[in-house]
Amino acid sequence: MDSAIRKLMLELIETQSVLTLATLREDGWPQATTVAYANSGMTLFVATGADAQKVRNIRACDKVSVTVAPAVPEWQRLQGLSMAARAQVMESRTDIQQAARLLKKKFPPLAEFSDLERDSGWAFLRIVPKIVSVIDYTKGFGHTVLVKL
């Protein structure tokens, strides 16, 4: 992978805090949800309600689509990521604690939930990108690079 592309991918993931997560509902309809996230490299972590539709969707089908992009005033400055990924509802206490630490660091108000990782009302998702479309309109309208991880 080109080092400039890798740098842009990580920069976009690390500087943003919200992504769109698309899952597949049991009735066959896609469902897109906006969620806050933290990351460790290219791996993304989300905390959500344990009974959320997206949790049920991921348990039934782990294939998801994710977008990450900053809001920009002019389309010529658009840069973002569209990712085909695998998602899982985390079960390991150690993994959940790591995800909770990352989320609390990125979103300090979450620290008020001292037992975030112990509260059964939460579910933690790990999202691992497999194919990334890097969108960079600063290089021309529609410019994309496809990266397989």
N, C-alpha and C. Protein backbone atom coordinates (compact mmCIF):
# COMPACT_ATOMS: atom_id res chain seq x y z
N MET A 1 0.85 -1.18 0.00
CA MET A 1 0.00 0.00 0.00
C MET A 1 0.90 1.25 0.00
N ASP A 2 0.53 2.19 -0.81
CA ASP A 2 1.25 3.47 -0.91
C ASP A 2 1.23 4.17 0.46
N SER A 3 2.38 4.68 0.90
CA SER A 3 2.46 5.30 2.23
C SER A 3 1.60 6.56 2.34
N ALA A 4 1.44 7.32 1.25
CA ALA A 4 0.60 8.52 1.29
C ALA A 4 -0.87 8.14 1.48
N ILE A 5 -1.29 7.05 0.84
CA ILE A 5 -2.68 6.58 0.99
C ILE A 5 -2.90 6.10 2.42
N ARG A 6 -1.97 5.32 2.94
CA ARG A 6 -2.09 4.83 4.32
C ARG A 6 -2.15 6.00 5.30
N LYS A 7 -1.31 7.00 5.09
CA LYS A 7 -1.30 8.18 5.96
C LYS A 7 -2.65 8.89 5.91
N LEU A 8 -3.21 9.08 4.71
CA LEU A 8 -4.51 9.73 4.57
C LEU A 8 -5.61 8.92 5.26
N MET A 9 -5.59 7.60 5.07
CA MET A 9 -6.59 6.75 5.70
C MET A 9 -6.56 6.90 7.22
N LEU A 10 -5.38 6.79 7.80
CA LEU A 10 -5.26 6.91 9.26
C LEU A 10 -5.61 8.31 9.75
N GLU A 11 -5.21 9.33 8.99
CA GLU A 11 -5.53 10.70 9.37
C GLU A 11 -7.05 10.92 9.39
N LEU A 12 -7.74 10.42 8.38
CA LEU A 12 -9.20 10.58 8.35
C LEU A 12 -9.85 9.84 9.51
N ILE A 13 -9.40 8.63 9.80
CA ILE A 13 -9.98 7.86 10.91
C ILE A 13 -9.70 8.53 12.25
N GLU A 14 -8.47 9.00 12.43
CA GLU A 14 -8.08 9.54 13.74
C GLU A 14 -8.62 10.94 14.01
N THR A 15 -8.92 11.70 12.98
CA THR A 15 -9.38 13.08 13.21
C THR A 15 -10.90 13.21 13.25
N GLN A 16 -11.60 12.17 12.87
CA GLN A 16 -13.07 12.23 12.91
C GLN A 16 -13.58 11.50 14.14
N SER A 17 -14.83 11.72 14.48
CA SER A 17 -15.39 11.06 15.66
C SER A 17 -16.72 10.38 15.39
N VAL A 18 -17.24 10.57 14.18
CA VAL A 18 -18.55 9.99 13.83
C VAL A 18 -18.42 9.24 12.51
N LEU A 19 -19.06 8.09 12.44
CA LEU A 19 -19.09 7.33 11.20
C LEU A 19 -20.52 6.90 10.92
N THR A 20 -20.75 6.51 9.68
CA THR A 20 -22.03 5.91 9.31
C THR A 20 -21.80 4.42 9.17
N LEU A 21 -22.59 3.64 9.88
CA LEU A 21 -22.49 2.19 9.88
C LEU A 21 -23.73 1.62 9.22
N ALA A 22 -23.53 0.89 8.13
CA ALA A 22 -24.66 0.25 7.44
C ALA A 22 -24.61 -1.24 7.72
N THR A 23 -25.73 -1.75 8.22
CA THR A 23 -25.88 -3.18 8.51
C THR A 23 -27.07 -3.69 7.70
N LEU A 24 -27.26 -5.00 7.72
CA LEU A 24 -28.37 -5.60 6.99
C LEU A 24 -29.41 -6.12 7.97
N ARG A 25 -30.63 -5.59 7.85
CA ARG A 25 -31.71 -6.04 8.72
C ARG A 25 -32.19 -7.44 8.32
N GLU A 26 -32.83 -8.12 9.24
CA GLU A 26 -33.35 -9.46 8.95
C GLU A 26 -34.37 -9.46 7.82
N ASP A 27 -35.08 -8.34 7.63
CA ASP A 27 -36.07 -8.27 6.55
C ASP A 27 -35.45 -7.95 5.19
N GLY A 28 -34.09 -7.86 5.15
CA GLY A 28 -33.39 -7.64 3.90
C GLY A 28 -33.09 -6.19 3.58
N TRP A 29 -33.65 -5.26 4.35
CA TRP A 29 -33.39 -3.85 4.11
C TRP A 29 -32.11 -3.42 4.80
N PRO A 30 -31.30 -2.59 4.14
CA PRO A 30 -30.11 -2.06 4.81
C PRO A 30 -30.52 -1.02 5.84
N GLN A 31 -29.72 -0.87 6.86
CA GLN A 31 -29.96 0.14 7.89
C GLN A 31 -28.67 0.90 8.11
N ALA A 32 -28.70 2.21 7.91
CA ALA A 32 -27.53 3.06 8.14
C ALA A 32 -27.75 3.85 9.43
N THR A 33 -26.74 3.85 10.27
CA THR A 33 -26.81 4.50 11.56
C THR A 33 -25.56 5.35 11.77
N THR A 34 -25.73 6.52 12.32
CA THR A 34 -24.60 7.38 12.66
C THR A 34 -24.20 7.09 14.10
N VAL A 35 -22.92 6.78 14.30
CA VAL A 35 -22.43 6.46 15.64
C VAL A 35 -21.07 7.11 15.88
N ALA A 36 -20.76 7.35 17.14
CA ALA A 36 -19.43 7.82 17.53
C ALA A 36 -18.52 6.60 17.62
N TYR A 37 -17.23 6.82 17.43
CA TYR A 37 -16.30 5.69 17.45
C TYR A 37 -14.93 6.14 17.96
N ALA A 38 -14.15 5.14 18.36
CA ALA A 38 -12.73 5.32 18.64
C ALA A 38 -12.01 4.28 17.80
N ASN A 39 -10.71 4.41 17.71
CA ASN A 39 -9.98 3.46 16.87
C ASN A 39 -8.64 3.09 17.49
N SER A 40 -8.13 1.98 17.01
CA SER A 40 -6.76 1.56 17.25
C SER A 40 -6.25 1.19 15.87
N GLY A 41 -5.47 2.07 15.27
CA GLY A 41 -5.09 1.88 13.87
C GLY A 41 -6.34 1.92 13.01
N MET A 42 -6.50 0.94 12.15
CA MET A 42 -7.66 0.88 11.26
C MET A 42 -8.86 0.18 11.90
N THR A 43 -8.69 -0.41 13.07
CA THR A 43 -9.80 -1.09 13.74
C THR A 43 -10.63 -0.06 14.49
N LEU A 44 -11.94 -0.13 14.29
CA LEU A 44 -12.88 0.83 14.88
C LEU A 44 -13.66 0.18 16.01
N PHE A 45 -14.00 0.99 17.02
CA PHE A 45 -14.76 0.49 18.17
C PHE A 45 -15.95 1.41 18.41
N VAL A 46 -17.10 0.81 18.68
CA VAL A 46 -18.34 1.54 18.91
C VAL A 46 -18.99 0.98 20.16
N ALA A 47 -19.54 1.86 21.00
CA ALA A 47 -20.37 1.44 22.13
C ALA A 47 -21.80 1.83 21.78
N THR A 48 -22.71 0.93 22.02
CA THR A 48 -24.11 1.19 21.68
C THR A 48 -25.00 0.45 22.68
N GLY A 49 -26.27 0.70 22.61
CA GLY A 49 -27.19 -0.01 23.48
C GLY A 49 -27.20 -1.50 23.16
N ALA A 50 -27.22 -2.31 24.18
CA ALA A 50 -27.18 -3.77 23.98
C ALA A 50 -28.36 -4.27 23.17
N ASP A 51 -29.48 -3.57 23.21
CA ASP A 51 -30.66 -4.02 22.48
C ASP A 51 -30.87 -3.27 21.16
N ALA A 52 -29.84 -2.57 20.68
CA ALA A 52 -29.95 -1.79 19.44
C ALA A 52 -30.14 -2.70 18.23
N GLN A 53 -30.88 -2.21 17.26
CA GLN A 53 -31.12 -2.96 16.02
C GLN A 53 -29.81 -3.35 15.35
N LYS A 54 -28.83 -2.45 15.34
CA LYS A 54 -27.56 -2.74 14.68
C LYS A 54 -26.85 -3.92 15.33
N VAL A 55 -27.01 -4.09 16.62
CA VAL A 55 -26.41 -5.24 17.32
C VAL A 55 -27.05 -6.53 16.82
N ARG A 56 -28.37 -6.55 16.74
CA ARG A 56 -29.07 -7.74 16.22
C ARG A 56 -28.66 -8.01 14.78
N ASN A 57 -28.56 -6.94 13.99
CA ASN A 57 -28.18 -7.10 12.58
C ASN A 57 -26.79 -7.72 12.45
N ILE A 58 -25.84 -7.24 13.24
CA ILE A 58 -24.46 -7.74 13.17
C ILE A 58 -24.38 -9.18 13.65
N ARG A 59 -25.16 -9.53 14.65
CA ARG A 59 -25.17 -10.93 15.11
C ARG A 59 -25.66 -11.86 14.00
N ALA A 60 -26.56 -11.36 13.15
CA ALA A 60 -27.10 -12.18 12.06
C ALA A 60 -26.20 -12.17 10.83
N CYS A 61 -25.52 -11.04 10.56
CA CYS A 61 -24.65 -10.90 9.39
C CYS A 61 -23.53 -9.93 9.74
N ASP A 62 -22.30 -10.40 9.73
CA ASP A 62 -21.18 -9.56 10.16
C ASP A 62 -20.64 -8.64 9.07
N LYS A 63 -21.16 -8.72 7.86
CA LYS A 63 -20.72 -7.84 6.78
C LYS A 63 -21.39 -6.48 6.94
N VAL A 64 -20.56 -5.42 7.00
CA VAL A 64 -21.07 -4.07 7.16
C VAL A 64 -20.36 -3.14 6.18
N SER A 65 -20.92 -1.98 6.03
CA SER A 65 -20.30 -0.91 5.26
C SER A 65 -20.19 0.30 6.17
N VAL A 66 -19.07 1.01 6.05
CA VAL A 66 -18.80 2.15 6.93
C VAL A 66 -18.31 3.32 6.07
N THR A 67 -18.74 4.52 6.43
CA THR A 67 -18.15 5.71 5.82
C THR A 67 -17.64 6.63 6.93
N VAL A 68 -16.51 7.27 6.63
CA VAL A 68 -15.91 8.27 7.52
C VAL A 68 -15.51 9.44 6.63
N ALA A 69 -15.98 10.63 6.94
CA ALA A 69 -15.60 11.82 6.16
C ALA A 69 -15.90 13.07 6.96
N PRO A 70 -15.02 14.04 6.88
CA PRO A 70 -15.31 15.32 7.52
C PRO A 70 -16.28 16.13 6.69
N ALA A 71 -17.02 17.01 7.33
CA ALA A 71 -17.88 17.95 6.60
C ALA A 71 -16.98 19.00 5.98
N VAL A 72 -17.18 19.27 4.71
CA VAL A 72 -16.37 20.29 4.02
C VAL A 72 -17.31 21.26 3.30
N PRO A 73 -16.92 22.53 3.22
CA PRO A 73 -17.79 23.52 2.59
C PRO A 73 -17.82 23.42 1.06
N GLU A 74 -16.76 22.89 0.45
CA GLU A 74 -16.72 22.78 -1.01
C GLU A 74 -16.45 21.33 -1.39
N TRP A 75 -17.18 20.82 -2.38
CA TRP A 75 -17.00 19.42 -2.77
C TRP A 75 -15.59 19.15 -3.26
N GLN A 76 -14.87 20.15 -3.77
CA GLN A 76 -13.52 19.94 -4.27
C GLN A 76 -12.53 19.56 -3.16
N ARG A 77 -12.93 19.76 -1.92
CA ARG A 77 -12.07 19.42 -0.77
C ARG A 77 -12.49 18.10 -0.11
N LEU A 78 -13.47 17.41 -0.68
CA LEU A 78 -13.99 16.18 -0.09
C LEU A 78 -12.92 15.09 -0.04
N GLN A 79 -12.74 14.55 1.13
CA GLN A 79 -11.89 13.38 1.35
C GLN A 79 -12.63 12.48 2.32
N GLY A 80 -12.61 11.19 2.08
CA GLY A 80 -13.30 10.29 2.98
C GLY A 80 -12.98 8.85 2.69
N LEU A 81 -13.56 7.99 3.49
CA LEU A 81 -13.36 6.55 3.35
C LEU A 81 -14.70 5.85 3.27
N SER A 82 -14.79 4.90 2.39
CA SER A 82 -15.94 4.00 2.32
C SER A 82 -15.36 2.60 2.47
N MET A 83 -15.82 1.87 3.48
CA MET A 83 -15.18 0.61 3.82
C MET A 83 -16.15 -0.56 3.83
N ALA A 84 -15.71 -1.66 3.23
CA ALA A 84 -16.37 -2.95 3.42
C ALA A 84 -15.65 -3.57 4.60
N ALA A 85 -16.41 -3.99 5.60
CA ALA A 85 -15.77 -4.45 6.83
C ALA A 85 -16.53 -5.61 7.45
N ARG A 86 -15.88 -6.23 8.40
CA ARG A 86 -16.51 -7.26 9.23
C ARG A 86 -16.68 -6.65 10.62
N ALA A 87 -17.84 -6.87 11.20
CA ALA A 87 -18.12 -6.35 12.54
C ALA A 87 -18.47 -7.50 13.47
N GLN A 88 -18.15 -7.32 14.72
CA GLN A 88 -18.55 -8.33 15.71
C GLN A 88 -18.94 -7.64 17.00
N VAL A 89 -19.85 -8.27 17.69
CA VAL A 89 -20.22 -7.83 19.03
C VAL A 89 -19.18 -8.47 19.95
N MET A 90 -18.45 -7.63 20.65
CA MET A 90 -17.35 -8.11 21.46
C MET A 90 -17.88 -8.84 22.70
N GLU A 91 -17.24 -9.94 23.03
CA GLU A 91 -17.65 -10.74 24.19
C GLU A 91 -16.56 -10.81 25.27
N SER A 92 -15.30 -10.75 24.87
CA SER A 92 -14.19 -10.87 25.80
C SER A 92 -14.12 -9.65 26.71
N ARG A 93 -14.08 -9.87 28.02
CA ARG A 93 -14.01 -8.79 29.01
C ARG A 93 -12.77 -7.93 28.77
N THR A 94 -11.64 -8.55 28.46
CA THR A 94 -10.41 -7.81 28.21
C THR A 94 -10.55 -6.91 26.99
N ASP A 95 -11.14 -7.44 25.91
CA ASP A 95 -11.34 -6.65 24.69
C ASP A 95 -12.31 -5.50 24.93
N ILE A 96 -13.36 -5.77 25.68
CA ILE A 96 -14.35 -4.73 25.99
C ILE A 96 -13.70 -3.62 26.82
N GLN A 97 -12.87 -3.99 27.80
CA GLN A 97 -12.18 -2.99 28.61
C GLN A 97 -11.26 -2.12 27.76
N GLN A 98 -10.56 -2.72 26.80
CA GLN A 98 -9.69 -1.96 25.90
C GLN A 98 -10.53 -0.98 25.07
N ALA A 99 -11.64 -1.45 24.51
CA ALA A 99 -12.50 -0.58 23.70
C ALA A 99 -13.06 0.55 24.57
N ALA A 100 -13.49 0.23 25.78
CA ALA A 100 -14.04 1.26 26.68
C ALA A 100 -12.99 2.32 27.00
N ARG A 101 -11.73 1.90 27.23
CA ARG A 101 -10.66 2.87 27.49
C ARG A 101 -10.46 3.81 26.30
N LEU A 102 -10.45 3.25 25.09
CA LEU A 102 -10.28 4.07 23.89
C LEU A 102 -11.43 5.07 23.74
N LEU A 103 -12.65 4.59 23.97
CA LEU A 103 -13.83 5.47 23.83
C LEU A 103 -13.84 6.55 24.90
N LYS A 104 -13.49 6.21 26.14
CA LYS A 104 -13.45 7.20 27.21
C LYS A 104 -12.36 8.25 26.97
N LYS A 105 -11.24 7.82 26.39
CA LYS A 105 -10.16 8.77 26.08
C LYS A 105 -10.61 9.75 24.99
N LYS A 106 -11.30 9.25 23.98
CA LYS A 106 -11.73 10.10 22.88
C LYS A 106 -12.93 10.97 23.27
N PHE A 107 -13.77 10.44 24.13
CA PHE A 107 -14.99 11.14 24.57
C PHE A 107 -15.00 11.22 26.09
N PRO A 108 -14.29 12.20 26.68
CA PRO A 108 -14.17 12.29 28.13
C PRO A 108 -15.50 12.24 28.90
N PRO A 109 -16.62 12.77 28.38
CA PRO A 109 -17.86 12.65 29.15
C PRO A 109 -18.27 11.20 29.44
N LEU A 110 -17.78 10.26 28.62
CA LEU A 110 -18.09 8.85 28.89
C LEU A 110 -17.45 8.36 30.18
N ALA A 111 -16.42 9.05 30.64
CA ALA A 111 -15.75 8.66 31.88
C ALA A 111 -16.71 8.74 33.07
N GLU A 112 -17.78 9.54 32.92
CA GLU A 112 -18.79 9.62 33.98
C GLU A 112 -19.47 8.27 34.18
N PHE A 113 -19.49 7.46 33.13
CA PHE A 113 -20.05 6.11 33.23
C PHE A 113 -18.91 5.20 33.69
N SER A 114 -18.59 5.24 34.97
CA SER A 114 -17.40 4.56 35.47
C SER A 114 -17.40 3.07 35.16
N ASP A 115 -18.56 2.46 35.08
CA ASP A 115 -18.64 1.03 34.79
C ASP A 115 -19.18 0.78 33.39
N LEU A 116 -18.82 1.64 32.46
CA LEU A 116 -19.28 1.51 31.08
C LEU A 116 -19.07 0.09 30.56
N GLU A 117 -17.89 -0.46 30.81
CA GLU A 117 -17.58 -1.79 30.29
C GLU A 117 -18.21 -2.92 31.09
N ARG A 118 -18.79 -2.61 32.24
CA ARG A 118 -19.42 -3.65 33.06
C ARG A 118 -20.95 -3.60 33.00
N ASP A 119 -21.48 -2.51 32.51
CA ASP A 119 -22.92 -2.31 32.45
C ASP A 119 -23.52 -3.16 31.34
N SER A 120 -24.44 -4.03 31.68
CA SER A 120 -25.04 -4.92 30.69
C SER A 120 -25.93 -4.19 29.68
N GLY A 121 -26.16 -2.92 29.90
CA GLY A 121 -26.97 -2.14 28.96
C GLY A 121 -26.19 -1.70 27.72
N TRP A 122 -24.88 -1.96 27.70
CA TRP A 122 -24.03 -1.57 26.58
C TRP A 122 -23.58 -2.79 25.79
N ALA A 123 -23.37 -2.58 24.50
CA ALA A 123 -22.70 -3.57 23.65
C ALA A 123 -21.55 -2.85 22.98
N PHE A 124 -20.46 -3.55 22.80
CA PHE A 124 -19.28 -2.98 22.14
C PHE A 124 -19.06 -3.71 20.82
N LEU A 125 -18.84 -2.92 19.78
CA LEU A 125 -18.63 -3.46 18.45
C LEU A 125 -17.19 -3.24 18.02
N ARG A 126 -16.62 -4.25 17.39
CA ARG A 126 -15.30 -4.12 16.75
C ARG A 126 -15.57 -4.21 15.25
N ILE A 127 -15.03 -3.23 14.51
CA ILE A 127 -15.23 -3.18 13.07
C ILE A 127 -13.84 -3.20 12.42
N VAL A 128 -13.61 -4.22 11.59
CA VAL A 128 -12.31 -4.38 10.95
C VAL A 128 -12.49 -4.24 9.43
N PRO A 129 -11.97 -3.15 8.85
CA PRO A 129 -12.08 -2.95 7.41
C PRO A 129 -11.33 -4.01 6.62
N LYS A 130 -11.91 -4.42 5.50
CA LYS A 130 -11.28 -5.39 4.60
C LYS A 130 -10.95 -4.75 3.25
N ILE A 131 -11.84 -3.90 2.76
CA ILE A 131 -11.64 -3.18 1.50
C ILE A 131 -12.00 -1.72 1.75
N VAL A 132 -11.10 -0.81 1.38
CA VAL A 132 -11.33 0.61 1.63
C VAL A 132 -11.26 1.37 0.31
N SER A 133 -12.28 2.16 0.06
CA SER A 133 -12.26 3.09 -1.06
C SER A 133 -11.89 4.45 -0.48
N VAL A 134 -10.71 4.95 -0.88
CA VAL A 134 -10.23 6.24 -0.39
C VAL A 134 -10.68 7.29 -1.40
N ILE A 135 -11.53 8.20 -0.95
CA ILE A 135 -12.10 9.24 -1.81
C ILE A 135 -11.30 10.51 -1.58
N ASP A 136 -10.78 11.10 -2.65
CA ASP A 136 -9.96 12.31 -2.51
C ASP A 136 -10.20 13.24 -3.70
N TYR A 137 -11.21 14.09 -3.55
CA TYR A 137 -11.56 15.02 -4.63
C TYR A 137 -10.55 16.15 -4.78
N THR A 138 -9.59 16.28 -3.83
CA THR A 138 -8.55 17.28 -4.00
C THR A 138 -7.66 16.91 -5.19
N LYS A 139 -7.75 15.66 -5.63
CA LYS A 139 -6.97 15.19 -6.79
C LYS A 139 -7.83 15.13 -8.05
N GLY A 140 -9.06 15.63 -7.96
CA GLY A 140 -9.96 15.62 -9.11
C GLY A 140 -11.29 15.00 -8.74
N PHE A 141 -12.35 15.46 -9.43
CA PHE A 141 -13.70 14.97 -9.15
C PHE A 141 -13.76 13.45 -9.31
N GLY A 142 -14.28 12.79 -8.29
CA GLY A 142 -14.47 11.35 -8.33
C GLY A 142 -13.22 10.53 -8.10
N HIS A 143 -12.10 11.15 -7.75
CA HIS A 143 -10.86 10.40 -7.57
C HIS A 143 -10.99 9.44 -6.39
N THR A 144 -10.77 8.16 -6.65
CA THR A 144 -10.79 7.16 -5.59
C THR A 144 -9.65 6.17 -5.82
N VAL A 145 -9.21 5.58 -4.72
CA VAL A 145 -8.21 4.51 -4.76
C VAL A 145 -8.78 3.37 -3.93
N LEU A 146 -8.78 2.18 -4.50
CA LEU A 146 -9.28 1.01 -3.79
C LEU A 146 -8.11 0.29 -3.11
N VAL A 147 -8.26 0.04 -1.81
CA VAL A 147 -7.20 -0.59 -1.02
C VAL A 147 -7.77 -1.84 -0.37
N LYS A 148 -7.12 -2.98 -0.60
CA LYS A 148 -7.51 -4.22 0.07
C LYS A 148 -6.58 -4.43 1.25
N LEU A 149 -7.16 -4.63 2.41
CA LEU A 149 -6.35 -4.80 3.63
C LEU A 149 -6.22 -6.28 3.95
